[in-house]
Amino acid sequence: MAVPKGKVSKARRDKRRSPNMKKVAPSLSTCPQCHEPKLPHRVCPNCNYYDGKEVVAE
């Protein structure tokens, strides 16, 4: 009968299971300036505004 030589640690066990974990797409929020979808806590790529101020000069 096959018997394991030792206890498999949680880290080693979870490394083996990691490819099966579902990948989730990042959530999007709407820009209050131009109402386009953008990543939260990032400068809007469409209008270059963050927190009501233009941060990237065009």
PDB file of N, CA and C in Angstrom:
ATOM      1  N   MET A   1       0.828  -1.179   0.000  1.00  0.00           N
ATOM      2  CA  MET A   1       0.000   0.000   0.000  1.00  0.00           C
ATOM      3  C   MET A   1       0.878   1.251   0.000  1.00  0.00           C
ATOM      4  N   ALA A   2       0.514   2.250  -0.785  1.00  0.00           N
ATOM      5  CA  ALA A   2       1.297   3.480  -0.836  1.00  0.00           C
ATOM      6  C   ALA A   2       0.996   4.332   0.394  1.00  0.00           C
ATOM      7  N   VAL A   3       2.063   4.762   1.069  1.00  0.00           N
ATOM      8  CA  VAL A   3       1.921   5.579   2.265  1.00  0.00           C
ATOM      9  C   VAL A   3       2.775   6.826   2.087  1.00  0.00           C
ATOM     10  N   PRO A   4       2.232   8.036   2.357  1.00  0.00           N
ATOM     11  CA  PRO A   4       3.053   9.232   2.234  1.00  0.00           C
ATOM     12  C   PRO A   4       4.190   9.236   3.245  1.00  0.00           C
ATOM     13  N   LYS A   5       5.362   9.747   2.823  1.00  0.00           N
ATOM     14  CA  LYS A   5       6.529   9.744   3.709  1.00  0.00           C
ATOM     15  C   LYS A   5       6.406  10.781   4.820  1.00  0.00           C
ATOM     16  N   GLY A   6       5.667  11.872   4.573  1.00  0.00           N
ATOM     17  CA  GLY A   6       5.528  12.896   5.604  1.00  0.00           C
ATOM     18  C   GLY A   6       4.341  13.790   5.306  1.00  0.00           C
ATOM     19  N   LYS A   7       4.029  14.651   6.260  1.00  0.00           N
ATOM     20  CA  LYS A   7       2.899  15.561   6.098  1.00  0.00           C
ATOM     21  C   LYS A   7       3.229  16.594   5.021  1.00  0.00           C
ATOM     22  N   VAL A   8       2.289  16.829   4.141  1.00  0.00           N
ATOM     23  CA  VAL A   8       2.442  17.868   3.120  1.00  0.00           C
ATOM     24  C   VAL A   8       1.979  19.173   3.742  1.00  0.00           C
ATOM     25  N   SER A   9       2.854  20.171   3.738  1.00  0.00           N
ATOM     26  CA  SER A   9       2.526  21.453   4.364  1.00  0.00           C
ATOM     27  C   SER A   9       1.425  22.163   3.570  1.00  0.00           C
ATOM     28  N   LYS A  10       0.773  23.115   4.226  1.00  0.00           N
ATOM     29  CA  LYS A  10      -0.301  23.870   3.578  1.00  0.00           C
ATOM     30  C   LYS A  10       0.225  24.644   2.379  1.00  0.00           C
ATOM     31  N   ALA A  11       1.433  25.191   2.495  1.00  0.00           N
ATOM     32  CA  ALA A  11       2.012  25.961   1.390  1.00  0.00           C
ATOM     33  C   ALA A  11       2.246  25.073   0.173  1.00  0.00           C
ATOM     34  N   ARG A  12       2.788  23.889   0.400  1.00  0.00           N
ATOM     35  CA  ARG A  12       3.058  22.974  -0.710  1.00  0.00           C
ATOM     36  C   ARG A  12       1.757  22.474  -1.330  1.00  0.00           C
ATOM     37  N   ARG A  13       0.786  22.175  -0.494  1.00  0.00           N
ATOM     38  CA  ARG A  13      -0.516  21.715  -0.978  1.00  0.00           C
ATOM     39  C   ARG A  13      -1.192  22.806  -1.798  1.00  0.00           C
ATOM     40  N   ASP A  14      -1.164  24.067  -1.299  1.00  0.00           N
ATOM     41  CA  ASP A  14      -1.850  25.159  -1.984  1.00  0.00           C
ATOM     42  C   ASP A  14      -1.142  25.571  -3.268  1.00  0.00           C
ATOM     43  N   LYS A  15       0.187  25.405  -3.310  1.00  0.00           N
ATOM     44  CA  LYS A  15       0.919  25.689  -4.561  1.00  0.00           C
ATOM     45  C   LYS A  15       0.430  24.776  -5.673  1.00  0.00           C
ATOM     46  N   ARG A  16       0.140  23.544  -5.327  1.00  0.00           N
ATOM     47  CA  ARG A  16      -0.332  22.570  -6.303  1.00  0.00           C
ATOM     48  C   ARG A  16      -1.731  22.940  -6.784  1.00  0.00           C
ATOM     49  N   ARG A  17      -2.543  23.522  -5.921  1.00  0.00           N
ATOM     50  CA  ARG A  17      -3.920  23.853  -6.274  1.00  0.00           C
ATOM     51  C   ARG A  17      -4.066  25.222  -6.919  1.00  0.00           C
ATOM     52  N   SER A  18      -3.036  26.041  -6.899  1.00  0.00           N
ATOM     53  CA  SER A  18      -3.152  27.430  -7.337  1.00  0.00           C
ATOM     54  C   SER A  18      -3.593  27.620  -8.795  1.00  0.00           C
ATOM     55  N   PRO A  19      -3.205  26.789  -9.764  1.00  0.00           N
ATOM     56  CA  PRO A  19      -3.662  27.043 -11.136  1.00  0.00           C
ATOM     57  C   PRO A  19      -5.171  26.928 -11.299  1.00  0.00           C
ATOM     58  N   ASN A  20      -5.827  26.275 -10.348  1.00  0.00           N
ATOM     59  CA  ASN A  20      -7.271  26.094 -10.467  1.00  0.00           C
ATOM     60  C   ASN A  20      -8.065  27.274  -9.942  1.00  0.00           C
ATOM     61  N   MET A  21      -7.393  28.227  -9.301  1.00  0.00           N
ATOM     62  CA  MET A  21      -8.111  29.365  -8.741  1.00  0.00           C
ATOM     63  C   MET A  21      -8.621  30.254  -9.877  1.00  0.00           C
ATOM     64  N   LYS A  22      -9.789  30.780  -9.686  1.00  0.00           N
ATOM     65  CA  LYS A  22     -10.390  31.633 -10.712  1.00  0.00           C
ATOM     66  C   LYS A  22      -9.705  32.997 -10.708  1.00  0.00           C
ATOM     67  N   LYS A  23      -9.448  33.509 -11.885  1.00  0.00           N
ATOM     68  CA  LYS A  23      -8.896  34.850 -12.004  1.00  0.00           C
ATOM     69  C   LYS A  23     -10.061  35.811 -12.210  1.00  0.00           C
ATOM     70  N   VAL A  24     -10.030  36.927 -11.490  1.00  0.00           N
ATOM     71  CA  VAL A  24     -11.119  37.895 -11.552  1.00  0.00           C
ATOM     72  C   VAL A  24     -10.623  39.155 -12.250  1.00  0.00           C
ATOM     73  N   ALA A  25     -11.415  39.654 -13.171  1.00  0.00           N
ATOM     74  CA  ALA A  25     -11.065  40.896 -13.867  1.00  0.00           C
ATOM     75  C   ALA A  25     -11.156  42.066 -12.894  1.00  0.00           C
ATOM     76  N   PRO A  26     -10.316  43.092 -13.055  1.00  0.00           N
ATOM     77  CA  PRO A  26     -10.386  44.235 -12.140  1.00  0.00           C
ATOM     78  C   PRO A  26     -11.714  44.966 -12.296  1.00  0.00           C
ATOM     79  N   SER A  27     -12.220  45.467 -11.184  1.00  0.00           N
ATOM     80  CA  SER A  27     -13.493  46.181 -11.230  1.00  0.00           C
ATOM     81  C   SER A  27     -13.262  47.569 -11.827  1.00  0.00           C
ATOM     82  N   LEU A  28     -14.262  48.089 -12.483  1.00  0.00           N
ATOM     83  CA  LEU A  28     -14.166  49.398 -13.110  1.00  0.00           C
ATOM     84  C   LEU A  28     -15.121  50.354 -12.418  1.00  0.00           C
ATOM     85  N   SER A  29     -14.726  51.615 -12.328  1.00  0.00           N
ATOM     86  CA  SER A  29     -15.606  52.663 -11.816  1.00  0.00           C
ATOM     87  C   SER A  29     -15.755  53.700 -12.921  1.00  0.00           C
ATOM     88  N   THR A  30     -16.738  54.566 -12.769  1.00  0.00           N
ATOM     89  CA  THR A  30     -16.936  55.589 -13.811  1.00  0.00           C
ATOM     90  C   THR A  30     -16.257  56.883 -13.374  1.00  0.00           C
ATOM     91  N   CYS A  31     -15.685  57.557 -14.329  1.00  0.00           N
ATOM     92  CA  CYS A  31     -15.019  58.831 -14.071  1.00  0.00           C
ATOM     93  C   CYS A  31     -16.095  59.887 -13.818  1.00  0.00           C
ATOM     94  N   PRO A  32     -15.996  60.653 -12.727  1.00  0.00           N
ATOM     95  CA  PRO A  32     -17.013  61.670 -12.471  1.00  0.00           C
ATOM     96  C   PRO A  32     -16.940  62.844 -13.453  1.00  0.00           C
ATOM     97  N   GLN A  33     -15.811  62.994 -14.130  1.00  0.00           N
ATOM     98  CA  GLN A  33     -15.617  64.111 -15.063  1.00  0.00           C
ATOM     99  C   GLN A  33     -16.227  63.796 -16.433  1.00  0.00           C
ATOM    100  N   CYS A  34     -15.813  62.664 -17.022  1.00  0.00           N
ATOM    101  CA  CYS A  34     -16.246  62.350 -18.390  1.00  0.00           C
ATOM    102  C   CYS A  34     -17.171  61.129 -18.465  1.00  0.00           C
ATOM    103  N   HIS A  35     -17.408  60.465 -17.336  1.00  0.00           N
ATOM    104  CA  HIS A  35     -18.309  59.314 -17.228  1.00  0.00           C
ATOM    105  C   HIS A  35     -17.869  58.111 -18.051  1.00  0.00           C
ATOM    106  N   GLU A  36     -16.579  58.003 -18.317  1.00  0.00           N
ATOM    107  CA  GLU A  36     -16.028  56.831 -18.991  1.00  0.00           C
ATOM    108  C   GLU A  36     -15.572  55.829 -17.930  1.00  0.00           C
ATOM    109  N   PRO A  37     -15.550  54.525 -18.242  1.00  0.00           N
ATOM    110  CA  PRO A  37     -15.051  53.555 -17.263  1.00  0.00           C
ATOM    111  C   PRO A  37     -13.538  53.696 -17.065  1.00  0.00           C
ATOM    112  N   LYS A  38     -13.095  53.559 -15.809  1.00  0.00           N
ATOM    113  CA  LYS A  38     -11.673  53.651 -15.496  1.00  0.00           C
ATOM    114  C   LYS A  38     -11.393  52.765 -14.297  1.00  0.00           C
ATOM    115  N   LEU A  39     -10.122  52.464 -14.065  1.00  0.00           N
ATOM    116  CA  LEU A  39      -9.736  51.708 -12.888  1.00  0.00           C
ATOM    117  C   LEU A  39      -9.841  52.607 -11.666  1.00  0.00           C
ATOM    118  N   PRO A  40     -10.310  52.070 -10.540  1.00  0.00           N
ATOM    119  CA  PRO A  40     -10.430  52.909  -9.354  1.00  0.00           C
ATOM    120  C   PRO A  40      -9.068  53.355  -8.831  1.00  0.00           C
ATOM    121  N   HIS A  41      -9.001  54.540  -8.273  1.00  0.00           N
ATOM    122  CA  HIS A  41      -7.782  55.126  -7.699  1.00  0.00           C
ATOM    123  C   HIS A  41      -6.686  55.316  -8.746  1.00  0.00           C
ATOM    124  N   ARG A  42      -7.070  55.571  -9.983  1.00  0.00           N
ATOM    125  CA  ARG A  42      -6.120  55.836 -11.063  1.00  0.00           C
ATOM    126  C   ARG A  42      -6.571  57.087 -11.808  1.00  0.00           C
ATOM    127  N   VAL A  43      -5.646  57.712 -12.517  1.00  0.00           N
ATOM    128  CA  VAL A  43      -5.986  58.856 -13.367  1.00  0.00           C
ATOM    129  C   VAL A  43      -6.814  58.333 -14.538  1.00  0.00           C
ATOM    130  N   CYS A  44      -7.840  59.072 -14.899  1.00  0.00           N
ATOM    131  CA  CYS A  44      -8.690  58.675 -16.023  1.00  0.00           C
ATOM    132  C   CYS A  44      -7.877  58.772 -17.312  1.00  0.00           C
ATOM    133  N   PRO A  45      -7.779  57.699 -18.087  1.00  0.00           N
ATOM    134  CA  PRO A  45      -7.000  57.761 -19.325  1.00  0.00           C
ATOM    135  C   PRO A  45      -7.665  58.605 -20.407  1.00  0.00           C
ATOM    136  N   ASN A  46      -8.954  58.871 -20.255  1.00  0.00           N
ATOM    137  CA  ASN A  46      -9.675  59.624 -21.267  1.00  0.00           C
ATOM    138  C   ASN A  46      -9.521  61.140 -21.081  1.00  0.00           C
ATOM    139  N   CYS A  47      -9.717  61.623 -19.840  1.00  0.00           N
ATOM    140  CA  CYS A  47      -9.706  63.076 -19.619  1.00  0.00           C
ATOM    141  C   CYS A  47      -8.558  63.547 -18.723  1.00  0.00           C
ATOM    142  N   ASN A  48      -7.719  62.638 -18.223  1.00  0.00           N
ATOM    143  CA  ASN A  48      -6.547  62.954 -17.400  1.00  0.00           C
ATOM    144  C   ASN A  48      -6.901  63.654 -16.093  1.00  0.00           C
ATOM    145  N   TYR A  49      -8.082  63.387 -15.530  1.00  0.00           N
ATOM    146  CA  TYR A  49      -8.484  63.977 -14.261  1.00  0.00           C
ATOM    147  C   TYR A  49      -8.407  62.925 -13.166  1.00  0.00           C
ATOM    148  N   TYR A  50      -8.066  63.379 -11.950  1.00  0.00           N
ATOM    149  CA  TYR A  50      -8.112  62.540 -10.757  1.00  0.00           C
ATOM    150  C   TYR A  50      -8.521  63.427  -9.590  1.00  0.00           C
ATOM    151  N   ASP A  51      -9.528  63.028  -8.866  1.00  0.00           N
ATOM    152  CA  ASP A  51     -10.018  63.760  -7.696  1.00  0.00           C
ATOM    153  C   ASP A  51     -10.431  65.191  -8.064  1.00  0.00           C
ATOM    154  N   GLY A  52     -11.026  65.359  -9.241  1.00  0.00           N
ATOM    155  CA  GLY A  52     -11.536  66.673  -9.653  1.00  0.00           C
ATOM    156  C   GLY A  52     -10.494  67.625 -10.194  1.00  0.00           C
ATOM    157  N   LYS A  53      -9.233  67.156 -10.326  1.00  0.00           N
ATOM    158  CA  LYS A  53      -8.168  68.034 -10.827  1.00  0.00           C
ATOM    159  C   LYS A  53      -7.502  67.389 -12.024  1.00  0.00           C
ATOM    160  N   GLU A  54      -7.081  68.221 -12.977  1.00  0.00           N
ATOM    161  CA  GLU A  54      -6.325  67.685 -14.109  1.00  0.00           C
ATOM    162  C   GLU A  54      -4.888  67.467 -13.643  1.00  0.00           C
ATOM    163  N   VAL A  55      -4.412  66.220 -13.755  1.00  0.00           N
ATOM    164  CA  VAL A  55      -3.084  65.907 -13.232  1.00  0.00           C
ATOM    165  C   VAL A  55      -2.057  65.678 -14.322  1.00  0.00           C
ATOM    166  N   VAL A  56      -2.489  65.349 -15.520  1.00  0.00           N
ATOM    167  CA  VAL A  56      -1.564  65.134 -16.634  1.00  0.00           C
ATOM    168  C   VAL A  56      -1.866  66.179 -17.688  1.00  0.00           C
ATOM    169  N   ALA A  57      -0.931  67.092 -17.907  1.00  0.00           N
ATOM    170  CA  ALA A  57      -1.140  68.119 -18.941  1.00  0.00           C
ATOM    171  C   ALA A  57      -1.033  67.485 -20.311  1.00  0.00           C
ATOM    172  N   GLU A  58      -1.904  67.882 -21.213  1.00  0.00           N
ATOM    173  CA  GLU A  58      -1.883  67.303 -22.561  1.00  0.00           C
ATOM    174  C   GLU A  58      -0.939  68.027 -23.474  1.00  0.00           C
TER     175      GLU A  58
END
